[in-house]
Amino acid sequence: MDMQDLEAKLKEAQKHRLRLVATDGAFSMDGDIAPLREIC
């Protein structure tokens, strides 16, 4: 759920044809809710 790290990885992945971000919506082991607004 680290959006700074995700953004860094997205910048690095710009060289690829298509990019897909994959996440659990609700993480069952921790009870966290993914920050979907920021991810989107």
PDB file of all heavy atoms in Angstrom:
ATOM      1  N   MET A   1       0.810  -1.218   0.000  1.00  0.00           N
ATOM      2  CA  MET A   1       0.000   0.000   0.000  1.00  0.00           C
ATOM      3  C   MET A   1       0.847   1.274   0.000  1.00  0.00           C
ATOM      4  O   MET A   1       0.397   2.324   0.440  1.00  0.00           O
ATOM      5  CB  MET A   1      -0.989   0.007   1.184  1.00  0.00           C
ATOM      6  CG  MET A   1      -1.915  -1.193   1.199  1.00  0.00           C
ATOM      7  SD  MET A   1      -3.435  -0.987   2.165  1.00  0.00           S
ATOM      8  CE  MET A   1      -2.827  -0.308   3.680  1.00  0.00           C
ATOM      9  N   ASP A   2       2.071   1.174  -0.514  1.00  0.00           N
ATOM     10  CA  ASP A   2       2.988   2.314  -0.565  1.00  0.00           C
ATOM     11  C   ASP A   2       2.871   2.963  -1.950  1.00  0.00           C
ATOM     12  O   ASP A   2       3.389   2.450  -2.946  1.00  0.00           O
ATOM     13  CB  ASP A   2       4.418   1.832  -0.319  1.00  0.00           C
ATOM     14  CG  ASP A   2       5.422   2.973  -0.205  1.00  0.00           C
ATOM     15  OD1 ASP A   2       5.232   4.009  -0.879  1.00  0.00           O
ATOM     16  OD2 ASP A   2       6.403   2.823   0.553  1.00  0.00           O
ATOM     17  N   MET A   3       2.176   4.090  -2.007  1.00  0.00           N
ATOM     18  CA  MET A   3       1.905   4.728  -3.298  1.00  0.00           C
ATOM     19  C   MET A   3       3.138   5.378  -3.908  1.00  0.00           C
ATOM     20  O   MET A   3       3.248   5.501  -5.131  1.00  0.00           O
ATOM     21  CB  MET A   3       0.775   5.746  -3.146  1.00  0.00           C
ATOM     22  CG  MET A   3      -0.567   5.126  -2.766  1.00  0.00           C
ATOM     23  SD  MET A   3      -1.198   3.927  -3.985  1.00  0.00           S
ATOM     24  CE  MET A   3      -0.614   2.344  -3.305  1.00  0.00           C
ATOM     25  N   GLN A   4       4.072   5.803  -3.084  1.00  0.00           N
ATOM     26  CA  GLN A   4       5.318   6.348  -3.621  1.00  0.00           C
ATOM     27  C   GLN A   4       6.108   5.260  -4.334  1.00  0.00           C
ATOM     28  O   GLN A   4       6.665   5.484  -5.415  1.00  0.00           O
ATOM     29  CB  GLN A   4       6.151   6.964  -2.501  1.00  0.00           C
ATOM     30  CG  GLN A   4       5.602   8.279  -1.976  1.00  0.00           C
ATOM     31  CD  GLN A   4       6.533   8.936  -0.971  1.00  0.00           C
ATOM     32  OE1 GLN A   4       7.264   8.263  -0.244  1.00  0.00           O
ATOM     33  NE2 GLN A   4       6.507  10.260  -0.915  1.00  0.00           N
ATOM     34  N   ASP A   5       6.139   4.074  -3.725  1.00  0.00           N
ATOM     35  CA  ASP A   5       6.862   2.959  -4.343  1.00  0.00           C
ATOM     36  C   ASP A   5       6.139   2.494  -5.601  1.00  0.00           C
ATOM     37  O   ASP A   5       6.782   2.176  -6.602  1.00  0.00           O
ATOM     38  CB  ASP A   5       7.010   1.812  -3.344  1.00  0.00           C
ATOM     39  CG  ASP A   5       8.006   0.769  -3.818  1.00  0.00           C
ATOM     40  OD1 ASP A   5       9.026   1.139  -4.420  1.00  0.00           O
ATOM     41  OD2 ASP A   5       7.756  -0.440  -3.596  1.00  0.00           O
ATOM     42  N   LEU A   6       4.802   2.458  -5.560  1.00  0.00           N
ATOM     43  CA  LEU A   6       4.050   2.077  -6.758  1.00  0.00           C
ATOM     44  C   LEU A   6       4.317   3.055  -7.894  1.00  0.00           C
ATOM     45  O   LEU A   6       4.521   2.641  -9.044  1.00  0.00           O
ATOM     46  CB  LEU A   6       2.553   2.017  -6.453  1.00  0.00           C
ATOM     47  CG  LEU A   6       1.636   1.770  -7.665  1.00  0.00           C
ATOM     48  CD1 LEU A   6       1.996   0.473  -8.380  1.00  0.00           C
ATOM     49  CD2 LEU A   6       0.172   1.760  -7.234  1.00  0.00           C
ATOM     50  N   GLU A   7       4.332   4.356  -7.588  1.00  0.00           N
ATOM     51  CA  GLU A   7       4.592   5.340  -8.639  1.00  0.00           C
ATOM     52  C   GLU A   7       5.993   5.163  -9.220  1.00  0.00           C
ATOM     53  O   GLU A   7       6.180   5.257 -10.443  1.00  0.00           O
ATOM     54  CB  GLU A   7       4.420   6.760  -8.111  1.00  0.00           C
ATOM     55  CG  GLU A   7       4.615   7.809  -9.189  1.00  0.00           C
ATOM     56  CD  GLU A   7       4.158   9.193  -8.788  1.00  0.00           C
ATOM     57  OE1 GLU A   7       4.000   9.435  -7.567  1.00  0.00           O
ATOM     58  OE2 GLU A   7       3.950  10.029  -9.683  1.00  0.00           O
ATOM     59  N   ALA A   8       6.960   4.881  -8.364  1.00  0.00           N
ATOM     60  CA  ALA A   8       8.325   4.651  -8.859  1.00  0.00           C
ATOM     61  C   ALA A   8       8.362   3.441  -9.788  1.00  0.00           C
ATOM     62  O   ALA A   8       9.022   3.466 -10.846  1.00  0.00           O
ATOM     63  CB  ALA A   8       9.274   4.451  -7.677  1.00  0.00           C
ATOM     64  N   LYS A   9       7.637   2.381  -9.409  1.00  0.00           N
ATOM     65  CA  LYS A   9       7.601   1.174 -10.242  1.00  0.00           C
ATOM     66  C   LYS A   9       6.862   1.446 -11.555  1.00  0.00           C
ATOM     67  O   LYS A   9       7.242   0.928 -12.609  1.00  0.00           O
ATOM     68  CB  LYS A   9       6.924   0.030  -9.480  1.00  0.00           C
ATOM     69  CG  LYS A   9       7.646  -0.411  -8.197  1.00  0.00           C
ATOM     70  CD  LYS A   9       9.003  -1.014  -8.486  1.00  0.00           C
ATOM     71  CE  LYS A   9       9.592  -1.753  -7.280  1.00  0.00           C
ATOM     72  NZ  LYS A   9       9.751  -0.930  -6.070  1.00  0.00           N
ATOM     73  N   LEU A  10       5.801   2.255 -11.510  1.00  0.00           N
ATOM     74  CA  LEU A  10       5.072   2.593 -12.736  1.00  0.00           C
ATOM     75  C   LEU A  10       5.948   3.398 -13.684  1.00  0.00           C
ATOM     76  O   LEU A  10       5.908   3.199 -14.910  1.00  0.00           O
ATOM     77  CB  LEU A  10       3.804   3.378 -12.388  1.00  0.00           C
ATOM     78  CG  LEU A  10       2.609   2.552 -11.922  1.00  0.00           C
ATOM     79  CD1 LEU A  10       1.541   3.444 -11.287  1.00  0.00           C
ATOM     80  CD2 LEU A  10       2.016   1.745 -13.070  1.00  0.00           C
ATOM     81  N   LYS A  11       6.747   4.306 -13.149  1.00  0.00           N
ATOM     82  CA  LYS A  11       7.681   5.065 -13.986  1.00  0.00           C
ATOM     83  C   LYS A  11       8.668   4.120 -14.660  1.00  0.00           C
ATOM     84  O   LYS A  11       8.957   4.253 -15.858  1.00  0.00           O
ATOM     85  CB  LYS A  11       8.421   6.091 -13.134  1.00  0.00           C
ATOM     86  CG  LYS A  11       7.579   7.267 -12.676  1.00  0.00           C
ATOM     87  CD  LYS A  11       8.408   8.226 -11.819  1.00  0.00           C
ATOM     88  CE  LYS A  11       7.577   9.415 -11.364  1.00  0.00           C
ATOM     89  NZ  LYS A  11       8.343  10.321 -10.470  1.00  0.00           N
ATOM     90  N   GLU A  12       9.174   3.174 -13.876  1.00  0.00           N
ATOM     91  CA  GLU A  12      10.142   2.213 -14.416  1.00  0.00           C
ATOM     92  C   GLU A  12       9.511   1.328 -15.476  1.00  0.00           C
ATOM     93  O   GLU A  12      10.176   0.905 -16.433  1.00  0.00           O
ATOM     94  CB  GLU A  12      10.691   1.360 -13.269  1.00  0.00           C
ATOM     95  CG  GLU A  12      11.828   0.435 -13.657  1.00  0.00           C
ATOM     96  CD  GLU A  12      12.345  -0.381 -12.487  1.00  0.00           C
ATOM     97  OE1 GLU A  12      11.973  -0.066 -11.329  1.00  0.00           O
ATOM     98  OE2 GLU A  12      13.116  -1.332 -12.727  1.00  0.00           O
ATOM     99  N   ALA A  13       8.207   1.048 -15.321  1.00  0.00           N
ATOM    100  CA  ALA A  13       7.515   0.115 -16.223  1.00  0.00           C
ATOM    101  C   ALA A  13       6.986   0.781 -17.489  1.00  0.00           C
ATOM    102  O   ALA A  13       6.368   0.114 -18.325  1.00  0.00           O
ATOM    103  CB  ALA A  13       6.364  -0.560 -15.476  1.00  0.00           C
ATOM    104  N   GLN A  14       7.222   2.082 -17.647  1.00  0.00           N
ATOM    105  CA  GLN A  14       6.711   2.783 -18.822  1.00  0.00           C
ATOM    106  C   GLN A  14       7.274   2.235 -20.134  1.00  0.00           C
ATOM    107  O   GLN A  14       6.680   2.413 -21.196  1.00  0.00           O
ATOM    108  CB  GLN A  14       7.012   4.280 -18.710  1.00  0.00           C
ATOM    109  CG  GLN A  14       6.159   5.017 -17.693  1.00  0.00           C
ATOM    110  CD  GLN A  14       4.672   4.933 -17.997  1.00  0.00           C
ATOM    111  OE1 GLN A  14       4.203   5.480 -18.983  1.00  0.00           O
ATOM    112  NE2 GLN A  14       3.937   4.215 -17.162  1.00  0.00           N
ATOM    113  N   LYS A  15       8.385   1.559 -20.072  1.00  0.00           N
ATOM    114  CA  LYS A  15       9.015   1.010 -21.277  1.00  0.00           C
ATOM    115  C   LYS A  15       8.258  -0.181 -21.841  1.00  0.00           C
ATOM    116  O   LYS A  15       8.532  -0.617 -22.964  1.00  0.00           O
ATOM    117  CB  LYS A  15      10.460   0.610 -20.968  1.00  0.00           C
ATOM    118  CG  LYS A  15      10.574  -0.417 -19.844  1.00  0.00           C
ATOM    119  CD  LYS A  15      12.017  -0.585 -19.395  1.00  0.00           C
ATOM    120  CE  LYS A  15      12.115  -1.503 -18.171  1.00  0.00           C
ATOM    121  NZ  LYS A  15      13.491  -1.594 -17.642  1.00  0.00           N
ATOM    122  N   HIS A  16       7.310  -0.717 -21.067  1.00  0.00           N
ATOM    123  CA  HIS A  16       6.570  -1.893 -21.511  1.00  0.00           C
ATOM    124  C   HIS A  16       5.276  -1.505 -22.217  1.00  0.00           C
ATOM    125  O   HIS A  16       4.740  -0.411 -22.022  1.00  0.00           O
ATOM    126  CB  HIS A  16       6.274  -2.804 -20.321  1.00  0.00           C
ATOM    127  CG  HIS A  16       7.502  -3.229 -19.584  1.00  0.00           C
ATOM    128  ND1 HIS A  16       8.495  -4.005 -20.163  1.00  0.00           N
ATOM    129  CD2 HIS A  16       7.924  -2.976 -18.314  1.00  0.00           C
ATOM    130  CE1 HIS A  16       9.459  -4.210 -19.284  1.00  0.00           C
ATOM    131  NE2 HIS A  16       9.136  -3.598 -18.155  1.00  0.00           N
ATOM    132  N   ARG A  17       4.758  -2.420 -23.031  1.00  0.00           N
ATOM    133  CA  ARG A  17       3.583  -2.155 -23.867  1.00  0.00           C
ATOM    134  C   ARG A  17       2.342  -1.844 -23.030  1.00  0.00           C
ATOM    135  O   ARG A  17       1.624  -0.884 -23.277  1.00  0.00           O
ATOM    136  CB  ARG A  17       3.317  -3.373 -24.767  1.00  0.00           C
ATOM    137  CG  ARG A  17       2.143  -3.226 -25.733  1.00  0.00           C
ATOM    138  CD  ARG A  17       1.889  -4.530 -26.464  1.00  0.00           C
ATOM    139  NE  ARG A  17       1.362  -5.540 -25.559  1.00  0.00           N
ATOM    140  CZ  ARG A  17       0.120  -6.026 -25.612  1.00  0.00           C
ATOM    141  NH1 ARG A  17      -0.723  -5.572 -26.517  1.00  0.00           N
ATOM    142  NH2 ARG A  17      -0.275  -6.961 -24.764  1.00  0.00           N
ATOM    143  N   LEU A  18       2.075  -2.660 -22.014  1.00  0.00           N
ATOM    144  CA  LEU A  18       0.881  -2.539 -21.187  1.00  0.00           C
ATOM    145  C   LEU A  18       1.273  -2.747 -19.737  1.00  0.00           C
ATOM    146  O   LEU A  18       2.142  -3.570 -19.430  1.00  0.00           O
ATOM    147  CB  LEU A  18      -0.152  -3.583 -21.635  1.00  0.00           C
ATOM    148  CG  LEU A  18      -1.511  -3.661 -20.942  1.00  0.00           C
ATOM    149  CD1 LEU A  18      -2.567  -4.157 -21.932  1.00  0.00           C
ATOM    150  CD2 LEU A  18      -1.478  -4.589 -19.730  1.00  0.00           C
ATOM    151  N   ARG A  19       0.630  -2.001 -18.844  1.00  0.00           N
ATOM    152  CA  ARG A  19       0.919  -2.108 -17.415  1.00  0.00           C
ATOM    153  C   ARG A  19      -0.368  -2.454 -16.662  1.00  0.00           C
ATOM    154  O   ARG A  19      -1.406  -1.818 -16.884  1.00  0.00           O
ATOM    155  CB  ARG A  19       1.495  -0.781 -16.890  1.00  0.00           C
ATOM    156  CG  ARG A  19       2.884  -0.478 -17.429  1.00  0.00           C
ATOM    157  CD  ARG A  19       3.173   0.998 -17.498  1.00  0.00           C
ATOM    158  NE  ARG A  19       2.292   1.694 -18.425  1.00  0.00           N
ATOM    159  CZ  ARG A  19       2.421   1.635 -19.759  1.00  0.00           C
ATOM    160  NH1 ARG A  19       3.401   0.927 -20.311  1.00  0.00           N
ATOM    161  NH2 ARG A  19       1.582   2.294 -20.543  1.00  0.00           N
ATOM    162  N   LEU A  20      -0.286  -3.437 -15.767  1.00  0.00           N
ATOM    163  CA  LEU A  20      -1.434  -3.863 -14.972  1.00  0.00           C
ATOM    164  C   LEU A  20      -1.057  -3.824 -13.495  1.00  0.00           C
ATOM    165  O   LEU A  20      -0.126  -4.513 -13.069  1.00  0.00           O
ATOM    166  CB  LEU A  20      -1.861  -5.283 -15.356  1.00  0.00           C
ATOM    167  CG  LEU A  20      -3.005  -5.889 -14.540  1.00  0.00           C
ATOM    168  CD1 LEU A  20      -4.317  -5.147 -14.789  1.00  0.00           C
ATOM    169  CD2 LEU A  20      -3.169  -7.369 -14.872  1.00  0.00           C
ATOM    170  N   VAL A  21      -1.764  -3.014 -12.714  1.00  0.00           N
ATOM    171  CA  VAL A  21      -1.568  -2.964 -11.263  1.00  0.00           C
ATOM    172  C   VAL A  21      -2.520  -3.971 -10.626  1.00  0.00           C
ATOM    173  O   VAL A  21      -3.731  -3.931 -10.871  1.00  0.00           O
ATOM    174  CB  VAL A  21      -1.841  -1.561 -10.703  1.00  0.00           C
ATOM    175  CG1 VAL A  21      -1.639  -1.539  -9.188  1.00  0.00           C
ATOM    176  CG2 VAL A  21      -0.945  -0.532 -11.376  1.00  0.00           C
ATOM    177  N   ALA A  22      -1.981  -4.878  -9.817  1.00  0.00           N
ATOM    178  CA  ALA A  22      -2.788  -5.931  -9.193  1.00  0.00           C
ATOM    179  C   ALA A  22      -2.745  -5.800  -7.676  1.00  0.00           C
ATOM    180  O   ALA A  22      -1.666  -5.706  -7.081  1.00  0.00           O
ATOM    181  CB  ALA A  22      -2.265  -7.307  -9.604  1.00  0.00           C
ATOM    182  N   THR A  23      -3.924  -5.801  -7.060  1.00  0.00           N
ATOM    183  CA  THR A  23      -3.983  -5.679  -5.604  1.00  0.00           C
ATOM    184  C   THR A  23      -5.211  -6.383  -5.047  1.00  0.00           C
ATOM    185  O   THR A  23      -6.233  -6.501  -5.723  1.00  0.00           O
ATOM    186  CB  THR A  23      -4.011  -4.194  -5.173  1.00  0.00           C
ATOM    187  OG1 THR A  23      -4.043  -4.119  -3.745  1.00  0.00           O
ATOM    188  CG2 THR A  23      -5.229  -3.475  -5.728  1.00  0.00           C
ATOM    189  N   ASP A  24      -5.107  -6.871  -3.822  1.00  0.00           N
ATOM    190  CA  ASP A  24      -6.302  -7.262  -3.080  1.00  0.00           C
ATOM    191  C   ASP A  24      -7.099  -5.997  -2.788  1.00  0.00           C
ATOM    192  O   ASP A  24      -6.522  -4.930  -2.548  1.00  0.00           O
ATOM    193  CB  ASP A  24      -5.918  -7.907  -1.744  1.00  0.00           C
ATOM    194  CG  ASP A  24      -5.527  -9.367  -1.882  1.00  0.00           C
ATOM    195  OD1 ASP A  24      -5.348  -9.828  -3.027  1.00  0.00           O
ATOM    196  OD2 ASP A  24      -5.397 -10.038  -0.847  1.00  0.00           O
ATOM    197  N   GLY A  25      -8.427  -6.108  -2.771  1.00  0.00           N
ATOM    198  CA  GLY A  25      -9.244  -4.991  -2.327  1.00  0.00           C
ATOM    199  C   GLY A  25      -9.190  -4.879  -0.815  1.00  0.00           C
ATOM    200  O   GLY A  25      -8.869  -3.826  -0.262  1.00  0.00           O
ATOM    201  N   ALA A  26      -9.487  -5.990  -0.147  1.00  0.00           N
ATOM    202  CA  ALA A  26      -9.337  -6.095   1.305  1.00  0.00           C
ATOM    203  C   ALA A  26      -8.335  -7.213   1.573  1.00  0.00           C
ATOM    204  O   ALA A  26      -8.504  -8.332   1.089  1.00  0.00           O
ATOM    205  CB  ALA A  26     -10.674  -6.407   1.966  1.00  0.00           C
ATOM    206  N   PHE A  27      -7.294  -6.906   2.324  1.00  0.00           N
ATOM    207  CA  PHE A  27      -6.243  -7.883   2.616  1.00  0.00           C
ATOM    208  C   PHE A  27      -6.668  -8.701   3.837  1.00  0.00           C
ATOM    209  O   PHE A  27      -6.732  -8.183   4.955  1.00  0.00           O
ATOM    210  CB  PHE A  27      -4.916  -7.171   2.873  1.00  0.00           C
ATOM    211  CG  PHE A  27      -4.327  -6.531   1.647  1.00  0.00           C
ATOM    212  CD1 PHE A  27      -4.736  -5.264   1.250  1.00  0.00           C
ATOM    213  CD2 PHE A  27      -3.380  -7.193   0.877  1.00  0.00           C
ATOM    214  CE1 PHE A  27      -4.209  -4.666   0.117  1.00  0.00           C
ATOM    215  CE2 PHE A  27      -2.839  -6.602  -0.260  1.00  0.00           C
ATOM    216  CZ  PHE A  27      -3.261  -5.335  -0.635  1.00  0.00           C
ATOM    217  N   SER A  28      -6.940  -9.966   3.615  1.00  0.00           N
ATOM    218  CA  SER A  28      -7.584 -10.788   4.643  1.00  0.00           C
ATOM    219  C   SER A  28      -6.722 -11.014   5.874  1.00  0.00           C
ATOM    220  O   SER A  28      -7.236 -11.115   6.988  1.00  0.00           O
ATOM    221  CB  SER A  28      -7.974 -12.144   4.049  1.00  0.00           C
ATOM    222  OG  SER A  28      -6.825 -12.837   3.588  1.00  0.00           O
ATOM    223  N   MET A  29      -5.414 -11.093   5.714  1.00  0.00           N
ATOM    224  CA  MET A  29      -4.551 -11.411   6.856  1.00  0.00           C
ATOM    225  C   MET A  29      -4.289 -10.195   7.742  1.00  0.00           C
ATOM    226  O   MET A  29      -3.964 -10.338   8.923  1.00  0.00           O
ATOM    227  CB  MET A  29      -3.216 -11.981   6.375  1.00  0.00           C
ATOM    228  CG  MET A  29      -3.359 -13.250   5.553  1.00  0.00           C
ATOM    229  SD  MET A  29      -4.242 -14.573   6.418  1.00  0.00           S
ATOM    230  CE  MET A  29      -3.067 -14.969   7.708  1.00  0.00           C
ATOM    231  N   ASP A  30      -4.426  -8.991   7.172  1.00  0.00           N
ATOM    232  CA  ASP A  30      -4.105  -7.777   7.918  1.00  0.00           C
ATOM    233  C   ASP A  30      -5.314  -6.881   8.172  1.00  0.00           C
ATOM    234  O   ASP A  30      -5.273  -6.003   9.032  1.00  0.00           O
ATOM    235  CB  ASP A  30      -3.039  -6.965   7.162  1.00  0.00           C
ATOM    236  CG  ASP A  30      -1.777  -7.768   6.932  1.00  0.00           C
ATOM    237  OD1 ASP A  30      -0.902  -7.761   7.804  1.00  0.00           O
ATOM    238  OD2 ASP A  30      -1.675  -8.401   5.866  1.00  0.00           O
ATOM    239  N   GLY A  31      -6.376  -7.090   7.382  1.00  0.00           N
ATOM    240  CA  GLY A  31      -7.546  -6.244   7.521  1.00  0.00           C
ATOM    241  C   GLY A  31      -7.415  -4.896   6.842  1.00  0.00           C
ATOM    242  O   GLY A  31      -8.260  -4.015   7.029  1.00  0.00           O
ATOM    243  N   ASP A  32      -6.371  -4.713   6.037  1.00  0.00           N
ATOM    244  CA  ASP A  32      -6.162  -3.445   5.342  1.00  0.00           C
ATOM    245  C   ASP A  32      -7.094  -3.325   4.134  1.00  0.00           C
ATOM    246  O   ASP A  32      -7.420  -4.324   3.483  1.00  0.00           O
ATOM    247  CB  ASP A  32      -4.720  -3.333   4.843  1.00  0.00           C
ATOM    248  CG  ASP A  32      -3.711  -3.309   5.983  1.00  0.00           C
ATOM    249  OD1 ASP A  32      -4.070  -2.810   7.064  1.00  0.00           O
ATOM    250  OD2 ASP A  32      -2.582  -3.783   5.781  1.00  0.00           O
ATOM    251  N   ILE A  33      -7.510  -2.116   3.837  1.00  0.00           N
ATOM    252  CA  ILE A  33      -8.262  -1.810   2.623  1.00  0.00           C
ATOM    253  C   ILE A  33      -7.326  -1.096   1.658  1.00  0.00           C
ATOM    254  O   ILE A  33      -6.713  -0.085   2.007  1.00  0.00           O
ATOM    255  CB  ILE A  33      -9.482  -0.921   2.914  1.00  0.00           C
ATOM    256  CG1 ILE A  33     -10.403  -1.574   3.956  1.00  0.00           C
ATOM    257  CG2 ILE A  33     -10.242  -0.610   1.633  1.00  0.00           C
ATOM    258  CD1 ILE A  33     -11.020  -2.875   3.511  1.00  0.00           C
ATOM    259  N   ALA A  34      -7.193  -1.621   0.462  1.00  0.00           N
ATOM    260  CA  ALA A  34      -6.283  -1.012  -0.523  1.00  0.00           C
ATOM    261  C   ALA A  34      -6.698   0.431  -0.816  1.00  0.00           C
ATOM    262  O   ALA A  34      -7.891   0.731  -0.915  1.00  0.00           O
ATOM    263  CB  ALA A  34      -6.297  -1.830  -1.812  1.00  0.00           C
ATOM    264  N   PRO A  35      -5.732   1.339  -0.955  1.00  0.00           N
ATOM    265  CA  PRO A  35      -6.033   2.739  -1.286  1.00  0.00           C
ATOM    266  C   PRO A  35      -6.387   2.875  -2.771  1.00  0.00           C
ATOM    267  O   PRO A  35      -5.610   3.418  -3.573  1.00  0.00           O
ATOM    268  CB  PRO A  35      -4.730   3.466  -0.935  1.00  0.00           C
ATOM    269  CG  PRO A  35      -3.663   2.440  -1.152  1.00  0.00           C
ATOM    270  CD  PRO A  35      -4.282   1.120  -0.778  1.00  0.00           C
ATOM    271  N   LEU A  36      -7.556   2.409  -3.133  1.00  0.00           N
ATOM    272  CA  LEU A  36      -7.918   2.307  -4.547  1.00  0.00           C
ATOM    273  C   LEU A  36      -8.026   3.668  -5.231  1.00  0.00           C
ATOM    274  O   LEU A  36      -7.753   3.780  -6.427  1.00  0.00           O
ATOM    275  CB  LEU A  36      -9.230   1.540  -4.715  1.00  0.00           C
ATOM    276  CG  LEU A  36      -9.163   0.026  -4.523  1.00  0.00           C
ATOM    277  CD1 LEU A  36     -10.535  -0.590  -4.757  1.00  0.00           C
ATOM    278  CD2 LEU A  36      -8.153  -0.602  -5.480  1.00  0.00           C
ATOM    279  N   ARG A  37      -8.444   4.695  -4.496  1.00  0.00           N
ATOM    280  CA  ARG A  37      -8.508   6.019  -5.121  1.00  0.00           C
ATOM    281  C   ARG A  37      -7.133   6.432  -5.635  1.00  0.00           C
ATOM    282  O   ARG A  37      -6.974   6.865  -6.785  1.00  0.00           O
ATOM    283  CB  ARG A  37      -9.019   7.054  -4.120  1.00  0.00           C
ATOM    284  CG  ARG A  37     -10.492   6.912  -3.742  1.00  0.00           C
ATOM    285  CD  ARG A  37     -10.981   8.163  -3.034  1.00  0.00           C
ATOM    286  NE  ARG A  37     -12.316   7.982  -2.469  1.00  0.00           N
ATOM    287  CZ  ARG A  37     -12.555   7.738  -1.183  1.00  0.00           C
ATOM    288  NH1 ARG A  37     -11.542   7.661  -0.325  1.00  0.00           N
ATOM    289  NH2 ARG A  37     -13.784   7.590  -0.737  1.00  0.00           N
ATOM    290  N   GLU A  38      -6.141   6.276  -4.767  1.00  0.00           N
ATOM    291  CA  GLU A  38      -4.782   6.673  -5.141  1.00  0.00           C
ATOM    292  C   GLU A  38      -4.212   5.759  -6.219  1.00  0.00           C
ATOM    293  O   GLU A  38      -3.523   6.214  -7.135  1.00  0.00           O
ATOM    294  CB  GLU A  38      -3.880   6.662  -3.902  1.00  0.00           C
ATOM    295  CG  GLU A  38      -4.217   7.734  -2.877  1.00  0.00           C
ATOM    296  CD  GLU A  38      -5.378   7.345  -1.961  1.00  0.00           C
ATOM    297  OE1 GLU A  38      -5.949   6.250  -2.142  1.00  0.00           O
ATOM    298  OE2 GLU A  38      -5.715   8.141  -1.064  1.00  0.00           O
ATOM    299  N   ILE A  39      -4.511   4.461  -6.110  1.00  0.00           N
ATOM    300  CA  ILE A  39      -4.041   3.510  -7.126  1.00  0.00           C
ATOM    301  C   ILE A  39      -4.614   3.870  -8.489  1.00  0.00           C
ATOM    302  O   ILE A  39      -3.904   3.889  -9.508  1.00  0.00           O
ATOM    303  CB  ILE A  39      -4.424   2.071  -6.730  1.00  0.00           C
ATOM    304  CG1 ILE A  39      -3.565   1.598  -5.548  1.00  0.00           C
ATOM    305  CG2 ILE A  39      -4.252   1.112  -7.918  1.00  0.00           C
ATOM    306  CD1 ILE A  39      -3.983   0.258  -4.973  1.00  0.00           C
ATOM    307  N   CYS A  40      -5.911   4.163  -8.526  1.00  0.00           N
ATOM    308  CA  CYS A  40      -6.554   4.506  -9.800  1.00  0.00           C
ATOM    309  C   CYS A  40      -6.035   5.825 -10.352  1.00  0.00           C
ATOM    310  O   CYS A  40      -5.905   5.988 -11.578  1.00  0.00           O
ATOM    311  CB  CYS A  40      -8.066   4.549  -9.622  1.00  0.00           C
ATOM    312  SG  CYS A  40      -8.820   2.921  -9.347  1.00  0.00           S
TER     313      CYS A  40
END
